[in-house]
């Protein structure tokens, strides 16, 4: 259920399966995982793919970056005139830039180590900025969306003096754990913070719909019980 994204803030999103693949590859590279773990993860991904295939038509599935952009469009009627700062150049950060590019006036894309490539029409409206310099660009932003892998807050009270106090500022925190200090919300009358929970509640998916989807997912897991038993027996035999 976790690998299929069913327990995510936006049920059905596909990023977790990719993260599991990456984690296995890193463990194998370091010599921490062998054929036994490879078999387990392969089986896991097979079942989670079955779940996603079954659940997707019922979920009207949206990735987190798509949901964030829809929320942004609902909050900002003149988005084409806004400057959006995106913190993070990972999978979600890249998705935000790709989906947000046609709708916003300008994007300031902040990266930590790996400088992303921008080409073609992006060059005119997407500007790159390192995390070492991003606080000097905060005053330009009407919206800041954070999607980094940082273990702590990348935006906090210390950055407040760098915000433009003359215009509203919306902060959207897609990090897990949170990237933006929650206490920034309401620090000034025109400063708002929305996190993953806020996006989830805004989406307003009916609980009864999810109950039915979860019931079907558990049925799919039950269908693969023999596969689980086979793996358990192989583990026991290896021991």
C-alpha atoms as a PDB file:
ATOM      1  CA  UNK A   1       0.000   0.000   0.000  1.00  0.00           C
ATOM      2  CA  UNK A   2       2.874   2.373   0.808  1.00  0.00           C
ATOM      3  CA  UNK A   3       4.777   1.589  -2.384  1.00  0.00           C
ATOM      4  CA  UNK A   4       1.619   2.107  -4.440  1.00  0.00           C
ATOM      5  CA  UNK A   5       1.265   5.582  -2.935  1.00  0.00           C
ATOM      6  CA  UNK A   6      -2.077   4.745  -1.354  1.00  0.00           C
ATOM      7  CA  UNK A   7      -1.049   6.041   2.086  1.00  0.00           C
ATOM      8  CA  UNK A   8       0.467   9.259   0.733  1.00  0.00           C
ATOM      9  CA  UNK A   9      -0.911  12.735   1.259  1.00  0.00           C
ATOM     10  CA  UNK A  10      -2.224  12.485  -2.298  1.00  0.00           C
ATOM     11  CA  UNK A  11      -3.267   8.815  -2.611  1.00  0.00           C
ATOM     12  CA  UNK A  12      -1.959   7.072  -5.699  1.00  0.00           C
ATOM     13  CA  UNK A  13       1.096   9.249  -6.387  1.00  0.00           C
ATOM     14  CA  UNK A  14       3.951   7.370  -8.019  1.00  0.00           C
ATOM     15  CA  UNK A  15       7.068   8.889  -6.441  1.00  0.00           C
ATOM     16  CA  UNK A  16       7.406   6.371  -3.596  1.00  0.00           C
ATOM     17  CA  UNK A  17       7.949   3.398  -5.919  1.00  0.00           C
ATOM     18  CA  UNK A  18      10.789   5.329  -7.564  1.00  0.00           C
ATOM     19  CA  UNK A  19      12.272   6.125  -4.165  1.00  0.00           C
ATOM     20  CA  UNK A  20      12.177   2.432  -3.220  1.00  0.00           C
ATOM     21  CA  UNK A  21      13.985   1.525  -6.451  1.00  0.00           C
ATOM     22  CA  UNK A  22      16.609   4.177  -5.754  1.00  0.00           C
ATOM     23  CA  UNK A  23      17.030   2.976  -2.162  1.00  0.00           C
ATOM     24  CA  UNK A  24      17.580  -0.612  -3.316  1.00  0.00           C
ATOM     25  CA  UNK A  25      20.095   0.488  -5.955  1.00  0.00           C
ATOM     26  CA  UNK A  26      22.031   2.496  -3.361  1.00  0.00           C
ATOM     27  CA  UNK A  27      21.981  -0.427  -0.895  1.00  0.00           C
ATOM     28  CA  UNK A  28      23.267  -2.793  -3.583  1.00  0.00           C
ATOM     29  CA  UNK A  29      25.996  -0.320  -4.558  1.00  0.00           C
ATOM     30  CA  UNK A  30      27.171  -0.208  -0.944  1.00  0.00           C
ATOM     31  CA  UNK A  31      26.962  -3.978  -0.541  1.00  0.00           C
ATOM     32  CA  UNK A  32      24.100  -3.844   1.964  1.00  0.00           C
ATOM     33  CA  UNK A  33      21.571  -5.798  -0.137  1.00  0.00           C
ATOM     34  CA  UNK A  34      21.808  -8.920  -2.269  1.00  0.00           C
ATOM     35  CA  UNK A  35      19.570 -11.248  -4.252  1.00  0.00           C
ATOM     36  CA  UNK A  36      17.183 -11.846  -1.349  1.00  0.00           C
ATOM     37  CA  UNK A  37      16.332  -8.157  -1.022  1.00  0.00           C
ATOM     38  CA  UNK A  38      16.189  -7.840  -4.817  1.00  0.00           C
ATOM     39  CA  UNK A  39      13.551 -10.591  -4.925  1.00  0.00           C
ATOM     40  CA  UNK A  40      11.562  -8.980  -2.114  1.00  0.00           C
ATOM     41  CA  UNK A  41      11.532  -5.519  -3.682  1.00  0.00           C
ATOM     42  CA  UNK A  42      10.746  -6.886  -7.155  1.00  0.00           C
ATOM     43  CA  UNK A  43       7.720  -8.670  -5.719  1.00  0.00           C
ATOM     44  CA  UNK A  44       6.713  -5.542  -3.813  1.00  0.00           C
ATOM     45  CA  UNK A  45       6.851  -3.380  -6.930  1.00  0.00           C
ATOM     46  CA  UNK A  46       4.902  -5.971  -8.926  1.00  0.00           C
ATOM     47  CA  UNK A  47       2.024  -5.954  -6.425  1.00  0.00           C
ATOM     48  CA  UNK A  48       2.081  -2.183  -5.980  1.00  0.00           C
ATOM     49  CA  UNK A  49       1.909  -1.734  -9.775  1.00  0.00           C
ATOM     50  CA  UNK A  50      -1.182  -3.976  -9.806  1.00  0.00           C
ATOM     51  CA  UNK A  51      -2.716  -1.779  -7.095  1.00  0.00           C
ATOM     52  CA  UNK A  52      -1.953   1.412  -8.997  1.00  0.00           C
ATOM     53  CA  UNK A  53      -3.423   0.029 -12.224  1.00  0.00           C
ATOM     54  CA  UNK A  54      -6.643  -0.915 -10.441  1.00  0.00           C
ATOM     55  CA  UNK A  55      -6.935   2.247  -8.362  1.00  0.00           C
ATOM     56  CA  UNK A  56      -5.883   4.911 -10.866  1.00  0.00           C
ATOM     57  CA  UNK A  57      -9.224   5.179 -12.732  1.00  0.00           C
ATOM     58  CA  UNK A  58     -11.033   5.613  -9.405  1.00  0.00           C
ATOM     59  CA  UNK A  59      -8.626   8.144  -7.939  1.00  0.00           C
ATOM     60  CA  UNK A  60      -8.436  10.598 -10.814  1.00  0.00           C
ATOM     61  CA  UNK A  61      -4.789  10.496  -9.740  1.00  0.00           C
ATOM     62  CA  UNK A  62      -2.637  13.621  -9.565  1.00  0.00           C
ATOM     63  CA  UNK A  63       1.004  13.920  -8.613  1.00  0.00           C
ATOM     64  CA  UNK A  64       1.806  16.277  -5.786  1.00  0.00           C
ATOM     65  CA  UNK A  65       3.285  18.894  -8.126  1.00  0.00           C
ATOM     66  CA  UNK A  66       0.079  18.895 -10.217  1.00  0.00           C
ATOM     67  CA  UNK A  67      -2.034  19.339  -7.099  1.00  0.00           C
ATOM     68  CA  UNK A  68       0.227  22.156  -5.892  1.00  0.00           C
ATOM     69  CA  UNK A  69      -0.103  23.977  -9.213  1.00  0.00           C
ATOM     70  CA  UNK A  70      -3.906  23.619  -9.175  1.00  0.00           C
ATOM     71  CA  UNK A  71      -3.959  25.023  -5.656  1.00  0.00           C
ATOM     72  CA  UNK A  72      -1.752  27.889  -6.781  1.00  0.00           C
ATOM     73  CA  UNK A  73      -4.018  28.668  -9.732  1.00  0.00           C
ATOM     74  CA  UNK A  74      -7.017  28.733  -7.377  1.00  0.00           C
ATOM     75  CA  UNK A  75      -5.261  31.124  -5.002  1.00  0.00           C
ATOM     76  CA  UNK A  76      -3.754  33.502  -7.586  1.00  0.00           C
ATOM     77  CA  UNK A  77      -6.061  34.781 -10.288  1.00  0.00           C
ATOM     78  CA  UNK A  78      -3.247  36.663 -12.080  1.00  0.00           C
ATOM     79  CA  UNK A  79      -0.666  33.882 -11.935  1.00  0.00           C
ATOM     80  CA  UNK A  80       0.776  34.907 -15.301  1.00  0.00           C
ATOM     81  CA  UNK A  81       2.086  38.064 -13.619  1.00  0.00           C
ATOM     82  CA  UNK A  82       3.575  36.310 -10.596  1.00  0.00           C
ATOM     83  CA  UNK A  83       7.113  35.268  -9.765  1.00  0.00           C
ATOM     84  CA  UNK A  84       7.315  31.752  -8.302  1.00  0.00           C
ATOM     85  CA  UNK A  85      10.411  30.529  -6.481  1.00  0.00           C
ATOM     86  CA  UNK A  86      10.915  26.750  -6.489  1.00  0.00           C
ATOM     87  CA  UNK A  87      13.261  25.344  -3.842  1.00  0.00           C
ATOM     88  CA  UNK A  88      14.707  21.979  -4.847  1.00  0.00           C
ATOM     89  CA  UNK A  89      15.930  20.411  -8.081  1.00  0.00           C
ATOM     90  CA  UNK A  90      14.879  16.818  -7.418  1.00  0.00           C
ATOM     91  CA  UNK A  91      12.028  14.915  -9.018  1.00  0.00           C
ATOM     92  CA  UNK A  92       9.251  17.048  -7.528  1.00  0.00           C
ATOM     93  CA  UNK A  93      11.139  20.291  -8.090  1.00  0.00           C
ATOM     94  CA  UNK A  94      11.648  19.439 -11.750  1.00  0.00           C
ATOM     95  CA  UNK A  95       7.975  18.533 -12.060  1.00  0.00           C
ATOM     96  CA  UNK A  96       6.955  21.869 -10.538  1.00  0.00           C
ATOM     97  CA  UNK A  97       9.094  23.809 -13.002  1.00  0.00           C
ATOM     98  CA  UNK A  98       7.886  21.763 -15.995  1.00  0.00           C
ATOM     99  CA  UNK A  99       4.193  22.080 -15.101  1.00  0.00           C
ATOM    100  CA  UNK A 100       4.356  25.620 -13.774  1.00  0.00           C
ATOM    101  CA  UNK A 101       6.368  27.114 -16.614  1.00  0.00           C
ATOM    102  CA  UNK A 102       3.451  27.762 -19.007  1.00  0.00           C
ATOM    103  CA  UNK A 103       1.251  29.332 -16.317  1.00  0.00           C
ATOM    104  CA  UNK A 104       3.486  31.726 -14.360  1.00  0.00           C
ATOM    105  CA  UNK A 105       5.297  34.900 -15.268  1.00  0.00           C
ATOM    106  CA  UNK A 106       8.741  33.950 -13.970  1.00  0.00           C
ATOM    107  CA  UNK A 107      10.308  31.047 -12.086  1.00  0.00           C
ATOM    108  CA  UNK A 108      13.351  31.332  -9.843  1.00  0.00           C
ATOM    109  CA  UNK A 109      14.641  27.770  -9.493  1.00  0.00           C
ATOM    110  CA  UNK A 110      16.903  27.177  -6.505  1.00  0.00           C
ATOM    111  CA  UNK A 111      19.260  24.219  -6.325  1.00  0.00           C
ATOM    112  CA  UNK A 112      21.663  22.947  -3.678  1.00  0.00           C
ATOM    113  CA  UNK A 113      24.480  20.977  -5.369  1.00  0.00           C
ATOM    114  CA  UNK A 114      23.451  19.755  -8.824  1.00  0.00           C
ATOM    115  CA  UNK A 115      22.752  22.678 -11.127  1.00  0.00           C
ATOM    116  CA  UNK A 116      19.754  21.767 -13.347  1.00  0.00           C
ATOM    117  CA  UNK A 117      19.886  22.257 -17.091  1.00  0.00           C
ATOM    118  CA  UNK A 118      17.495  24.721 -18.675  1.00  0.00           C
ATOM    119  CA  UNK A 119      17.158  25.007 -22.421  1.00  0.00           C
ATOM    120  CA  UNK A 120      14.924  26.326 -25.161  1.00  0.00           C
ATOM    121  CA  UNK A 121      12.050  28.585 -24.169  1.00  0.00           C
ATOM    122  CA  UNK A 122      12.760  27.966 -20.479  1.00  0.00           C
ATOM    123  CA  UNK A 123      15.807  30.246 -20.677  1.00  0.00           C
ATOM    124  CA  UNK A 124      13.642  33.346 -21.028  1.00  0.00           C
ATOM    125  CA  UNK A 125      11.505  32.805 -17.930  1.00  0.00           C
ATOM    126  CA  UNK A 126      13.381  30.365 -15.660  1.00  0.00           C
ATOM    127  CA  UNK A 127      16.307  31.720 -13.656  1.00  0.00           C
ATOM    128  CA  UNK A 128      18.675  29.515 -11.653  1.00  0.00           C
ATOM    129  CA  UNK A 129      19.829  30.381  -8.160  1.00  0.00           C
ATOM    130  CA  UNK A 130      21.985  28.457  -5.699  1.00  0.00           C
ATOM    131  CA  UNK A 131      20.891  27.927  -2.103  1.00  0.00           C
ATOM    132  CA  UNK A 132      23.856  30.052  -1.056  1.00  0.00           C
ATOM    133  CA  UNK A 133      22.257  33.080  -2.728  1.00  0.00           C
ATOM    134  CA  UNK A 134      18.518  32.397  -2.576  1.00  0.00           C
ATOM    135  CA  UNK A 135      17.796  34.644   0.414  1.00  0.00           C
ATOM    136  CA  UNK A 136      18.833  37.630  -1.716  1.00  0.00           C
ATOM    137  CA  UNK A 137      16.102  36.715  -4.232  1.00  0.00           C
ATOM    138  CA  UNK A 138      13.286  36.186  -1.705  1.00  0.00           C
ATOM    139  CA  UNK A 139      11.939  39.717  -2.095  1.00  0.00           C
ATOM    140  CA  UNK A 140      11.163  39.047  -5.768  1.00  0.00           C
ATOM    141  CA  UNK A 141       8.870  36.097  -5.065  1.00  0.00           C
ATOM    142  CA  UNK A 142       5.080  36.196  -4.847  1.00  0.00           C
ATOM    143  CA  UNK A 143       4.999  32.439  -4.195  1.00  0.00           C
ATOM    144  CA  UNK A 144       7.647  30.097  -2.782  1.00  0.00           C
ATOM    145  CA  UNK A 145       7.224  26.339  -3.194  1.00  0.00           C
ATOM    146  CA  UNK A 146       9.655  24.163  -1.275  1.00  0.00           C
ATOM    147  CA  UNK A 147      10.316  20.532  -2.247  1.00  0.00           C
ATOM    148  CA  UNK A 148      13.796  19.755  -0.972  1.00  0.00           C
ATOM    149  CA  UNK A 149      15.203  16.667   0.715  1.00  0.00           C
ATOM    150  CA  UNK A 150      16.565  18.753   3.583  1.00  0.00           C
ATOM    151  CA  UNK A 151      16.133  17.207   7.063  1.00  0.00           C
ATOM    152  CA  UNK A 152      15.132  20.569   8.560  1.00  0.00           C
ATOM    153  CA  UNK A 153      13.647  23.955   7.737  1.00  0.00           C
ATOM    154  CA  UNK A 154      15.164  25.720   4.738  1.00  0.00           C
ATOM    155  CA  UNK A 155      12.849  28.710   5.306  1.00  0.00           C
ATOM    156  CA  UNK A 156      12.531  30.047   8.848  1.00  0.00           C
ATOM    157  CA  UNK A 157      12.226  33.201  10.955  1.00  0.00           C
ATOM    158  CA  UNK A 158      15.744  34.208   9.990  1.00  0.00           C
ATOM    159  CA  UNK A 159      14.570  34.748   6.410  1.00  0.00           C
ATOM    160  CA  UNK A 160      11.627  37.003   7.324  1.00  0.00           C
ATOM    161  CA  UNK A 161      13.586  40.276   6.940  1.00  0.00           C
ATOM    162  CA  UNK A 162      14.323  39.318   3.324  1.00  0.00           C
ATOM    163  CA  UNK A 163      10.627  38.992   2.346  1.00  0.00           C
ATOM    164  CA  UNK A 164       8.949  41.886   0.543  1.00  0.00           C
ATOM    165  CA  UNK A 165       6.610  43.301   3.194  1.00  0.00           C
ATOM    166  CA  UNK A 166       4.765  45.376   0.582  1.00  0.00           C
ATOM    167  CA  UNK A 167       3.013  42.465  -1.123  1.00  0.00           C
ATOM    168  CA  UNK A 168       1.319  39.165  -0.195  1.00  0.00           C
ATOM    169  CA  UNK A 169       3.504  36.068  -0.046  1.00  0.00           C
ATOM    170  CA  UNK A 170       2.290  32.469  -0.260  1.00  0.00           C
ATOM    171  CA  UNK A 171       4.579  29.683   0.957  1.00  0.00           C
ATOM    172  CA  UNK A 172       3.760  26.101  -0.100  1.00  0.00           C
ATOM    173  CA  UNK A 173       5.632  23.370   1.773  1.00  0.00           C
ATOM    174  CA  UNK A 174       5.832  20.031  -0.048  1.00  0.00           C
ATOM    175  CA  UNK A 175       8.696  18.715   2.073  1.00  0.00           C
ATOM    176  CA  UNK A 176       8.557  15.656   4.299  1.00  0.00           C
ATOM    177  CA  UNK A 177       9.778  16.438   6.903  1.00  0.00           C
ATOM    178  CA  UNK A 178       8.629  20.013   6.585  1.00  0.00           C
ATOM    179  CA  UNK A 179      10.898  22.458   4.800  1.00  0.00           C
ATOM    180  CA  UNK A 180       9.217  25.651   6.020  1.00  0.00           C
ATOM    181  CA  UNK A 181       8.931  26.687   9.654  1.00  0.00           C
ATOM    182  CA  UNK A 182       5.181  26.509  10.460  1.00  0.00           C
ATOM    183  CA  UNK A 183       5.388  29.596  12.693  1.00  0.00           C
ATOM    184  CA  UNK A 184       5.915  31.741   9.596  1.00  0.00           C
ATOM    185  CA  UNK A 185       2.199  31.333   8.864  1.00  0.00           C
ATOM    186  CA  UNK A 186       0.511  34.600   9.778  1.00  0.00           C
ATOM    187  CA  UNK A 187       3.772  36.244  10.866  1.00  0.00           C
ATOM    188  CA  UNK A 188       2.496  39.233   8.884  1.00  0.00           C
ATOM    189  CA  UNK A 189      -1.060  39.830   7.636  1.00  0.00           C
ATOM    190  CA  UNK A 190      -0.026  38.983   4.056  1.00  0.00           C
ATOM    191  CA  UNK A 191       2.096  35.896   4.777  1.00  0.00           C
ATOM    192  CA  UNK A 192       0.503  32.435   4.485  1.00  0.00           C
ATOM    193  CA  UNK A 193       1.965  28.928   4.737  1.00  0.00           C
ATOM    194  CA  UNK A 194       0.278  25.836   3.281  1.00  0.00           C
ATOM    195  CA  UNK A 195       1.701  22.338   3.770  1.00  0.00           C
ATOM    196  CA  UNK A 196       0.812  18.873   2.479  1.00  0.00           C
ATOM    197  CA  UNK A 197      -2.051  18.547   4.957  1.00  0.00           C
ATOM    198  CA  UNK A 198      -3.489  21.844   3.744  1.00  0.00           C
ATOM    199  CA  UNK A 199      -3.354  20.674   0.134  1.00  0.00           C
ATOM    200  CA  UNK A 200      -4.984  17.386   1.082  1.00  0.00           C
ATOM    201  CA  UNK A 201      -7.892  19.088   2.813  1.00  0.00           C
ATOM    202  CA  UNK A 202      -8.253  21.566  -0.033  1.00  0.00           C
ATOM    203  CA  UNK A 203      -8.590  18.691  -2.461  1.00  0.00           C
ATOM    204  CA  UNK A 204     -11.637  17.460  -0.469  1.00  0.00           C
ATOM    205  CA  UNK A 205     -11.727  13.851  -1.560  1.00  0.00           C
ATOM    206  CA  UNK A 206     -14.734  12.013  -0.113  1.00  0.00           C
ATOM    207  CA  UNK A 207     -13.734   9.460   2.573  1.00  0.00           C
ATOM    208  CA  UNK A 208     -16.293   6.954   1.306  1.00  0.00           C
ATOM    209  CA  UNK A 209     -14.559   6.915  -2.091  1.00  0.00           C
ATOM    210  CA  UNK A 210     -11.221   6.108  -0.481  1.00  0.00           C
ATOM    211  CA  UNK A 211     -12.799   3.409   1.681  1.00  0.00           C
ATOM    212  CA  UNK A 212     -13.946   1.561  -1.429  1.00  0.00           C
ATOM    213  CA  UNK A 213     -10.555   1.967  -3.109  1.00  0.00           C
ATOM    214  CA  UNK A 214      -8.716   0.664  -0.020  1.00  0.00           C
ATOM    215  CA  UNK A 215     -11.058  -2.339   0.071  1.00  0.00           C
ATOM    216  CA  UNK A 216     -10.126  -3.187  -3.517  1.00  0.00           C
ATOM    217  CA  UNK A 217      -6.430  -2.701  -2.773  1.00  0.00           C
ATOM    218  CA  UNK A 218      -6.547  -5.154   0.133  1.00  0.00           C
ATOM    219  CA  UNK A 219      -8.243  -7.643  -2.179  1.00  0.00           C
ATOM    220  CA  UNK A 220      -5.378  -7.328  -4.652  1.00  0.00           C
ATOM    221  CA  UNK A 221      -2.854  -7.907  -1.883  1.00  0.00           C
ATOM    222  CA  UNK A 222      -4.778 -11.040  -0.892  1.00  0.00           C
ATOM    223  CA  UNK A 223      -4.591 -12.303  -4.467  1.00  0.00           C
ATOM    224  CA  UNK A 224      -0.793 -12.279  -4.221  1.00  0.00           C
ATOM    225  CA  UNK A 225      -0.638 -14.199  -0.942  1.00  0.00           C
ATOM    226  CA  UNK A 226       1.018 -17.223  -2.578  1.00  0.00           C
ATOM    227  CA  UNK A 227       3.821 -15.013  -3.832  1.00  0.00           C
ATOM    228  CA  UNK A 228       4.353 -13.737  -0.284  1.00  0.00           C
ATOM    229  CA  UNK A 229       4.422 -17.273   1.103  1.00  0.00           C
ATOM    230  CA  UNK A 230       6.977 -18.323  -1.505  1.00  0.00           C
ATOM    231  CA  UNK A 231       9.314 -15.489  -0.577  1.00  0.00           C
ATOM    232  CA  UNK A 232       8.966 -16.219   3.146  1.00  0.00           C
ATOM    233  CA  UNK A 233       9.823 -19.862   2.560  1.00  0.00           C
ATOM    234  CA  UNK A 234      12.873 -18.881   0.499  1.00  0.00           C
ATOM    235  CA  UNK A 235      14.015 -16.672   3.362  1.00  0.00           C
ATOM    236  CA  UNK A 236      13.549 -19.479   5.868  1.00  0.00           C
ATOM    237  CA  UNK A 237      15.423 -21.875   3.616  1.00  0.00           C
ATOM    238  CA  UNK A 238      18.307 -19.430   3.311  1.00  0.00           C
ATOM    239  CA  UNK A 239      18.531 -19.188   7.081  1.00  0.00           C
END
